[in-house]
Amino acid sequence: MEYVGYVAGLFTLIGYLPQTIKTIRTQKTKDLSLATFLIIGTSAVLWTIYGLGSNKPAIWITNGIVSICSITITYIKLNKG
C-alpha cells in the first residue's frame, strides 16, 4: 500500500512542477492567486509535519517538495510578481 502513496505523490509533483518552473523562469505571477498558494503551501507544510511525525515518507517527501514549490511561487509573487 505504501507504493500507492509514492505514486500519488509523484503525480502531485508532476502536476505542480510545471507552474513552479514557469514562475521561476518568467518571474511573472500576475495571473496566479496568492491566496491559493498560501493555502496550498500551509497545507503542504502541515502534511510534511504529519508525515514526519507518523514516519510516512510518501507523505513527508511529497509535501516537503510541494512546500518548497509553494514557498518559491509565493516569494516571487510577493517580491517580483
PDB file of N, CA and C in Angstrom:
ATOM      1  N   MET A   1       0.815  -1.198   0.000  1.00  0.00           N
ATOM      2  CA  MET A   1       0.000   0.000   0.000  1.00  0.00           C
ATOM      3  C   MET A   1       0.861   1.266   0.000  1.00  0.00           C
ATOM      4  N   GLU A   2       2.035   1.171   0.569  1.00  0.00           N
ATOM      5  CA  GLU A   2       2.940   2.330   0.602  1.00  0.00           C
ATOM      6  C   GLU A   2       3.285   2.805  -0.818  1.00  0.00           C
ATOM      7  N   TYR A   3       3.329   1.855  -1.758  1.00  0.00           N
ATOM      8  CA  TYR A   3       3.639   2.232  -3.142  1.00  0.00           C
ATOM      9  C   TYR A   3       2.572   3.145  -3.731  1.00  0.00           C
ATOM     10  N   VAL A   4       1.327   2.939  -3.334  1.00  0.00           N
ATOM     11  CA  VAL A   4       0.246   3.804  -3.810  1.00  0.00           C
ATOM     12  C   VAL A   4       0.514   5.241  -3.363  1.00  0.00           C
ATOM     13  N   GLY A   5       0.990   5.406  -2.142  1.00  0.00           N
ATOM     14  CA  GLY A   5       1.329   6.734  -1.644  1.00  0.00           C
ATOM     15  C   GLY A   5       2.437   7.381  -2.447  1.00  0.00           C
ATOM     16  N   TYR A   6       3.451   6.598  -2.812  1.00  0.00           N
ATOM     17  CA  TYR A   6       4.545   7.148  -3.610  1.00  0.00           C
ATOM     18  C   TYR A   6       4.077   7.530  -5.015  1.00  0.00           C
ATOM     19  N   VAL A   7       3.227   6.709  -5.610  1.00  0.00           N
ATOM     20  CA  VAL A   7       2.708   7.017  -6.948  1.00  0.00           C
ATOM     21  C   VAL A   7       1.824   8.263  -6.888  1.00  0.00           C
ATOM     22  N   ALA A   8       0.962   8.349  -5.881  1.00  0.00           N
ATOM     23  CA  ALA A   8       0.121   9.534  -5.718  1.00  0.00           C
ATOM     24  C   ALA A   8       0.985  10.778  -5.533  1.00  0.00           C
ATOM     25  N   GLY A   9       2.019  10.663  -4.729  1.00  0.00           N
ATOM     26  CA  GLY A   9       2.932  11.781  -4.516  1.00  0.00           C
ATOM     27  C   GLY A   9       3.631  12.199  -5.795  1.00  0.00           C
ATOM     28  N   LEU A  10       4.031  11.227  -6.575  1.00  0.00           N
ATOM     29  CA  LEU A  10       4.695  11.520  -7.847  1.00  0.00           C
ATOM     30  C   LEU A  10       3.768  12.304  -8.770  1.00  0.00           C
ATOM     31  N   PHE A  11       2.508  11.893  -8.850  1.00  0.00           N
ATOM     32  CA  PHE A  11       1.558  12.615  -9.694  1.00  0.00           C
ATOM     33  C   PHE A  11       1.293  14.018  -9.173  1.00  0.00           C
ATOM     34  N   THR A  12       1.265  14.175  -7.859  1.00  0.00           N
ATOM     35  CA  THR A  12       1.097  15.508  -7.281  1.00  0.00           C
ATOM     36  C   THR A  12       2.244  16.406  -7.709  1.00  0.00           C
ATOM     37  N   LEU A  13       3.446  15.896  -7.629  1.00  0.00           N
ATOM     38  CA  LEU A  13       4.620  16.685  -8.016  1.00  0.00           C
ATOM     39  C   LEU A  13       4.631  16.990  -9.506  1.00  0.00           C
ATOM     40  N   ILE A  14       4.290  15.990 -10.301  1.00  0.00           N
ATOM     41  CA  ILE A  14       4.258  16.202 -11.752  1.00  0.00           C
ATOM     42  C   ILE A  14       3.253  17.291 -12.099  1.00  0.00           C
ATOM     43  N   GLY A  15       2.154  17.349 -11.370  1.00  0.00           N
ATOM     44  CA  GLY A  15       1.154  18.373 -11.616  1.00  0.00           C
ATOM     45  C   GLY A  15       1.569  19.751 -11.133  1.00  0.00           C
ATOM     46  N   TYR A  16       2.434  19.811 -10.156  1.00  0.00           N
ATOM     47  CA  TYR A  16       2.800  21.078  -9.526  1.00  0.00           C
ATOM     48  C   TYR A  16       4.076  21.692 -10.115  1.00  0.00           C
ATOM     49  N   LEU A  17       4.991  20.873 -10.545  1.00  0.00           N
ATOM     50  CA  LEU A  17       6.287  21.370 -11.011  1.00  0.00           C
ATOM     51  C   LEU A  17       6.229  22.291 -12.232  1.00  0.00           C
ATOM     52  N   PRO A  18       5.369  22.038 -13.232  1.00  0.00           N
ATOM     53  CA  PRO A  18       5.370  22.941 -14.390  1.00  0.00           C
ATOM     54  C   PRO A  18       5.098  24.402 -14.023  1.00  0.00           C
ATOM     55  N   GLN A  19       4.150  24.632 -13.106  1.00  0.00           N
ATOM     56  CA  GLN A  19       3.858  26.014 -12.703  1.00  0.00           C
ATOM     57  C   GLN A  19       5.043  26.623 -11.967  1.00  0.00           C
ATOM     58  N   THR A  20       5.677  25.825 -11.136  1.00  0.00           N
ATOM     59  CA  THR A  20       6.835  26.324 -10.392  1.00  0.00           C
ATOM     60  C   THR A  20       7.971  26.677 -11.341  1.00  0.00           C
ATOM     61  N   ILE A  21       8.253  25.804 -12.266  1.00  0.00           N
ATOM     62  CA  ILE A  21       9.338  26.046 -13.225  1.00  0.00           C
ATOM     63  C   ILE A  21       9.030  27.271 -14.079  1.00  0.00           C
ATOM     64  N   LYS A  22       7.796  27.379 -14.551  1.00  0.00           N
ATOM     65  CA  LYS A  22       7.419  28.543 -15.374  1.00  0.00           C
ATOM     66  C   LYS A  22       7.541  29.835 -14.574  1.00  0.00           C
ATOM     67  N   THR A  23       7.121  29.810 -13.325  1.00  0.00           N
ATOM     68  CA  THR A  23       7.205  31.001 -12.485  1.00  0.00           C
ATOM     69  C   THR A  23       8.658  31.401 -12.246  1.00  0.00           C
ATOM     70  N   ILE A  24       9.515  30.440 -12.001  1.00  0.00           N
ATOM     71  CA  ILE A  24      10.937  30.738 -11.798  1.00  0.00           C
ATOM     72  C   ILE A  24      11.535  31.343 -13.071  1.00  0.00           C
ATOM     73  N   ARG A  25      11.204  30.760 -14.213  1.00  0.00           N
ATOM     74  CA  ARG A  25      11.757  31.241 -15.482  1.00  0.00           C
ATOM     75  C   ARG A  25      11.270  32.636 -15.862  1.00  0.00           C
ATOM     76  N   THR A  26       9.981  32.866 -15.739  1.00  0.00           N
ATOM     77  CA  THR A  26       9.411  34.126 -16.217  1.00  0.00           C
ATOM     78  C   THR A  26       9.360  35.221 -15.159  1.00  0.00           C
ATOM     79  N   GLN A  27       9.329  34.811 -13.886  1.00  0.00           N
ATOM     80  CA  GLN A  27       9.182  35.755 -12.770  1.00  0.00           C
ATOM     81  C   GLN A  27       7.856  36.510 -12.843  1.00  0.00           C
ATOM     82  N   LYS A  28       6.882  35.961 -13.578  1.00  0.00           N
ATOM     83  CA  LYS A  28       5.585  36.609 -13.726  1.00  0.00           C
ATOM     84  C   LYS A  28       4.526  35.811 -12.978  1.00  0.00           C
ATOM     85  N   THR A  29       3.784  36.499 -12.134  1.00  0.00           N
ATOM     86  CA  THR A  29       2.768  35.827 -11.326  1.00  0.00           C
ATOM     87  C   THR A  29       1.448  36.593 -11.305  1.00  0.00           C
ATOM     88  N   LYS A  30       1.295  37.517 -12.222  1.00  0.00           N
ATOM     89  CA  LYS A  30       0.103  38.374 -12.236  1.00  0.00           C
ATOM     90  C   LYS A  30      -1.194  37.566 -12.198  1.00  0.00           C
ATOM     91  N   ASP A  31      -1.261  36.499 -12.943  1.00  0.00           N
ATOM     92  CA  ASP A  31      -2.490  35.720 -13.050  1.00  0.00           C
ATOM     93  C   ASP A  31      -2.591  34.592 -12.024  1.00  0.00           C
ATOM     94  N   LEU A  32      -1.636  34.517 -11.104  1.00  0.00           N
ATOM     95  CA  LEU A  32      -1.671  33.480 -10.067  1.00  0.00           C
ATOM     96  C   LEU A  32      -2.295  34.039  -8.796  1.00  0.00           C
ATOM     97  N   SER A  33      -3.097  33.230  -8.150  1.00  0.00           N
ATOM     98  CA  SER A  33      -3.762  33.631  -6.924  1.00  0.00           C
ATOM     99  C   SER A  33      -2.836  33.453  -5.723  1.00  0.00           C
ATOM    100  N   LEU A  34      -2.543  34.549  -5.045  1.00  0.00           N
ATOM    101  CA  LEU A  34      -1.710  34.487  -3.847  1.00  0.00           C
ATOM    102  C   LEU A  34      -2.377  33.618  -2.785  1.00  0.00           C
ATOM    103  N   ALA A  35      -3.676  33.783  -2.608  1.00  0.00           N
ATOM    104  CA  ALA A  35      -4.398  33.004  -1.595  1.00  0.00           C
ATOM    105  C   ALA A  35      -4.267  31.501  -1.841  1.00  0.00           C
ATOM    106  N   THR A  36      -4.369  31.103  -3.093  1.00  0.00           N
ATOM    107  CA  THR A  36      -4.250  29.681  -3.427  1.00  0.00           C
ATOM    108  C   THR A  36      -2.900  29.133  -2.994  1.00  0.00           C
ATOM    109  N   PHE A  37      -1.834  29.839  -3.317  1.00  0.00           N
ATOM    110  CA  PHE A  37      -0.508  29.330  -2.988  1.00  0.00           C
ATOM    111  C   PHE A  37      -0.207  29.416  -1.496  1.00  0.00           C
ATOM    112  N   LEU A  38      -0.786  30.375  -0.810  1.00  0.00           N
ATOM    113  CA  LEU A  38      -0.641  30.426   0.647  1.00  0.00           C
ATOM    114  C   LEU A  38      -1.366  29.240   1.298  1.00  0.00           C
ATOM    115  N   ILE A  39      -2.540  28.927   0.807  1.00  0.00           N
ATOM    116  CA  ILE A  39      -3.301  27.803   1.356  1.00  0.00           C
ATOM    117  C   ILE A  39      -2.617  26.478   1.038  1.00  0.00           C
ATOM    118  N   ILE A  40      -2.233  26.289  -0.208  1.00  0.00           N
ATOM    119  CA  ILE A  40      -1.556  25.047  -0.593  1.00  0.00           C
ATOM    120  C   ILE A  40      -0.238  24.905   0.167  1.00  0.00           C
ATOM    121  N   GLY A  41       0.505  25.989   0.275  1.00  0.00           N
ATOM    122  CA  GLY A  41       1.785  25.953   0.988  1.00  0.00           C
ATOM    123  C   GLY A  41       1.607  25.610   2.455  1.00  0.00           C
ATOM    124  N   THR A  42       0.640  26.222   3.099  1.00  0.00           N
ATOM    125  CA  THR A  42       0.381  25.932   4.510  1.00  0.00           C
ATOM    126  C   THR A  42      -0.045  24.482   4.690  1.00  0.00           C
ATOM    127  N   SER A  43      -0.919  24.031   3.824  1.00  0.00           N
ATOM    128  CA  SER A  43      -1.363  22.640   3.871  1.00  0.00           C
ATOM    129  C   SER A  43      -0.189  21.680   3.691  1.00  0.00           C
ATOM    130  N   ALA A  44       0.661  21.963   2.734  1.00  0.00           N
ATOM    131  CA  ALA A  44       1.809  21.089   2.468  1.00  0.00           C
ATOM    132  C   ALA A  44       2.776  21.055   3.644  1.00  0.00           C
ATOM    133  N   VAL A  45       3.000  22.201   4.278  1.00  0.00           N
ATOM    134  CA  VAL A  45       3.871  22.229   5.460  1.00  0.00           C
ATOM    135  C   VAL A  45       3.270  21.371   6.573  1.00  0.00           C
ATOM    136  N   LEU A  46       1.966  21.513   6.799  1.00  0.00           N
ATOM    137  CA  LEU A  46       1.315  20.717   7.847  1.00  0.00           C
ATOM    138  C   LEU A  46       1.349  19.224   7.525  1.00  0.00           C
ATOM    139  N   TRP A  47       1.130  18.861   6.273  1.00  0.00           N
ATOM    140  CA  TRP A  47       1.218  17.454   5.875  1.00  0.00           C
ATOM    141  C   TRP A  47       2.649  16.931   6.022  1.00  0.00           C
ATOM    142  N   THR A  48       3.619  17.776   5.755  1.00  0.00           N
ATOM    143  CA  THR A  48       5.014  17.374   5.940  1.00  0.00           C
ATOM    144  C   THR A  48       5.280  17.054   7.404  1.00  0.00           C
ATOM    145  N   ILE A  49       4.815  17.914   8.278  1.00  0.00           N
ATOM    146  CA  ILE A  49       4.985  17.682   9.723  1.00  0.00           C
ATOM    147  C   ILE A  49       4.281  16.388  10.133  1.00  0.00           C
ATOM    148  N   TYR A  50       3.067  16.198   9.645  1.00  0.00           N
ATOM    149  CA  TYR A  50       2.326  14.974   9.945  1.00  0.00           C
ATOM    150  C   TYR A  50       3.088  13.745   9.445  1.00  0.00           C
ATOM    151  N   GLY A  51       3.560  13.801   8.210  1.00  0.00           N
ATOM    152  CA  GLY A  51       4.288  12.672   7.630  1.00  0.00           C
ATOM    153  C   GLY A  51       5.552  12.344   8.397  1.00  0.00           C
ATOM    154  N   LEU A  52       6.264  13.375   8.830  1.00  0.00           N
ATOM    155  CA  LEU A  52       7.469  13.153   9.633  1.00  0.00           C
ATOM    156  C   LEU A  52       7.107  12.528  10.981  1.00  0.00           C
ATOM    157  N   GLY A  53       6.074  13.074  11.630  1.00  0.00           N
ATOM    158  CA  GLY A  53       5.664  12.566  12.933  1.00  0.00           C
ATOM    159  C   GLY A  53       5.095  11.161  12.877  1.00  0.00           C
ATOM    160  N   SER A  54       4.518  10.798  11.742  1.00  0.00           N
ATOM    161  CA  SER A  54       3.924   9.470  11.572  1.00  0.00           C
ATOM    162  C   SER A  54       4.873   8.493  10.891  1.00  0.00           C
ATOM    163  N   ASN A  55       6.070   8.971  10.575  1.00  0.00           N
ATOM    164  CA  ASN A  55       7.068   8.156   9.877  1.00  0.00           C
ATOM    165  C   ASN A  55       6.498   7.586   8.569  1.00  0.00           C
ATOM    166  N   LYS A  56       5.925   8.489   7.757  1.00  0.00           N
ATOM    167  CA  LYS A  56       5.359   8.103   6.462  1.00  0.00           C
ATOM    168  C   LYS A  56       6.069   8.889   5.365  1.00  0.00           C
ATOM    169  N   PRO A  57       7.145   8.310   4.843  1.00  0.00           N
ATOM    170  CA  PRO A  57       7.947   9.024   3.844  1.00  0.00           C
ATOM    171  C   PRO A  57       7.168   9.464   2.614  1.00  0.00           C
ATOM    172  N   ALA A  58       6.204   8.669   2.172  1.00  0.00           N
ATOM    173  CA  ALA A  58       5.437   9.053   0.982  1.00  0.00           C
ATOM    174  C   ALA A  58       4.717  10.378   1.205  1.00  0.00           C
ATOM    175  N   ILE A  59       4.332  10.646   2.426  1.00  0.00           N
ATOM    176  CA  ILE A  59       3.634  11.892   2.737  1.00  0.00           C
ATOM    177  C   ILE A  59       4.611  13.038   2.920  1.00  0.00           C
ATOM    178  N   TRP A  60       5.656  12.833   3.732  1.00  0.00           N
ATOM    179  CA  TRP A  60       6.529  13.973   4.015  1.00  0.00           C
ATOM    180  C   TRP A  60       7.427  14.335   2.847  1.00  0.00           C
ATOM    181  N   ILE A  61       7.841  13.382   2.058  1.00  0.00           N
ATOM    182  CA  ILE A  61       8.702  13.705   0.910  1.00  0.00           C
ATOM    183  C   ILE A  61       7.913  14.542  -0.102  1.00  0.00           C
ATOM    184  N   THR A  62       6.744  14.035  -0.492  1.00  0.00           N
ATOM    185  CA  THR A  62       5.921  14.755  -1.469  1.00  0.00           C
ATOM    186  C   THR A  62       5.572  16.154  -0.987  1.00  0.00           C
ATOM    187  N   ASN A  63       5.054  16.240   0.222  1.00  0.00           N
ATOM    188  CA  ASN A  63       4.613  17.536   0.722  1.00  0.00           C
ATOM    189  C   ASN A  63       5.775  18.456   1.057  1.00  0.00           C
ATOM    190  N   GLY A  64       6.916  17.910   1.384  1.00  0.00           N
ATOM    191  CA  GLY A  64       8.098  18.748   1.568  1.00  0.00           C
ATOM    192  C   GLY A  64       8.482  19.453   0.274  1.00  0.00           C
ATOM    193  N   ILE A  65       8.435  18.716  -0.822  1.00  0.00           N
ATOM    194  CA  ILE A  65       8.766  19.315  -2.119  1.00  0.00           C
ATOM    195  C   ILE A  65       7.688  20.307  -2.550  1.00  0.00           C
ATOM    196  N   VAL A  66       6.415  19.953  -2.340  1.00  0.00           N
ATOM    197  CA  VAL A  66       5.326  20.881  -2.669  1.00  0.00           C
ATOM    198  C   VAL A  66       5.452  22.154  -1.825  1.00  0.00           C
ATOM    199  N   SER A  67       5.870  22.015  -0.566  1.00  0.00           N
ATOM    200  CA  SER A  67       6.090  23.191   0.293  1.00  0.00           C
ATOM    201  C   SER A  67       7.128  24.115  -0.317  1.00  0.00           C
ATOM    202  N   ILE A  68       8.215  23.539  -0.761  1.00  0.00           N
ATOM    203  CA  ILE A  68       9.283  24.335  -1.374  1.00  0.00           C
ATOM    204  C   ILE A  68       8.763  25.039  -2.628  1.00  0.00           C
ATOM    205  N   CYS A  69       8.003  24.317  -3.451  1.00  0.00           N
ATOM    206  CA  CYS A  69       7.437  24.923  -4.661  1.00  0.00           C
ATOM    207  C   CYS A  69       6.498  26.071  -4.311  1.00  0.00           C
ATOM    208  N   SER A  70       5.614  25.847  -3.349  1.00  0.00           N
ATOM    209  CA  SER A  70       4.659  26.888  -2.955  1.00  0.00           C
ATOM    210  C   SER A  70       5.358  28.109  -2.375  1.00  0.00           C
ATOM    211  N   ILE A  71       6.349  27.869  -1.547  1.00  0.00           N
ATOM    212  CA  ILE A  71       7.105  28.980  -0.953  1.00  0.00           C
ATOM    213  C   ILE A  71       7.827  29.759  -2.044  1.00  0.00           C
ATOM    214  N   THR A  72       8.378  29.058  -3.015  1.00  0.00           N
ATOM    215  CA  THR A  72       9.072  29.716  -4.125  1.00  0.00           C
ATOM    216  C   THR A  72       8.118  30.604  -4.915  1.00  0.00           C
ATOM    217  N   ILE A  73       6.966  30.059  -5.282  1.00  0.00           N
ATOM    218  CA  ILE A  73       5.989  30.831  -6.048  1.00  0.00           C
ATOM    219  C   ILE A  73       5.480  32.017  -5.231  1.00  0.00           C
ATOM    220  N   THR A  74       5.194  31.790  -3.957  1.00  0.00           N
ATOM    221  CA  THR A  74       4.718  32.870  -3.090  1.00  0.00           C
ATOM    222  C   THR A  74       5.766  33.968  -2.955  1.00  0.00           C
ATOM    223  N   TYR A  75       7.020  33.583  -2.798  1.00  0.00           N
ATOM    224  CA  TYR A  75       8.106  34.564  -2.693  1.00  0.00           C
ATOM    225  C   TYR A  75       8.174  35.421  -3.954  1.00  0.00           C
ATOM    226  N   ILE A  76       8.133  34.763  -5.109  1.00  0.00           N
ATOM    227  CA  ILE A  76       8.196  35.510  -6.363  1.00  0.00           C
ATOM    228  C   ILE A  76       6.976  36.409  -6.505  1.00  0.00           C
ATOM    229  N   LYS A  77       5.810  35.897  -6.142  1.00  0.00           N
ATOM    230  CA  LYS A  77       4.570  36.693  -6.231  1.00  0.00           C
ATOM    231  C   LYS A  77       4.673  37.945  -5.359  1.00  0.00           C
ATOM    232  N   LEU A  78       5.178  37.796  -4.157  1.00  0.00           N
ATOM    233  CA  LEU A  78       5.261  38.935  -3.237  1.00  0.00           C
ATOM    234  C   LEU A  78       6.389  39.909  -3.562  1.00  0.00           C
ATOM    235  N   ASN A  79       7.462  39.425  -4.155  1.00  0.00           N
ATOM    236  CA  ASN A  79       8.641  40.267  -4.342  1.00  0.00           C
ATOM    237  C   ASN A  79       8.912  40.701  -5.773  1.00  0.00           C
ATOM    238  N   LYS A  80       8.432  39.944  -6.758  1.00  0.00           N
ATOM    239  CA  LYS A  80       8.779  40.273  -8.129  1.00  0.00           C
ATOM    240  C   LYS A  80       7.584  40.247  -9.075  1.00  0.00           C
ATOM    241  N   GLY A  81       6.513  39.578  -8.638  1.00  0.00           N
ATOM    242  CA  GLY A  81       5.343  39.315  -9.470  1.00  0.00           C
ATOM    243  C   GLY A  81       4.736  40.501 -10.074  1.00  0.00           C
TER     244      GLY A  81
END
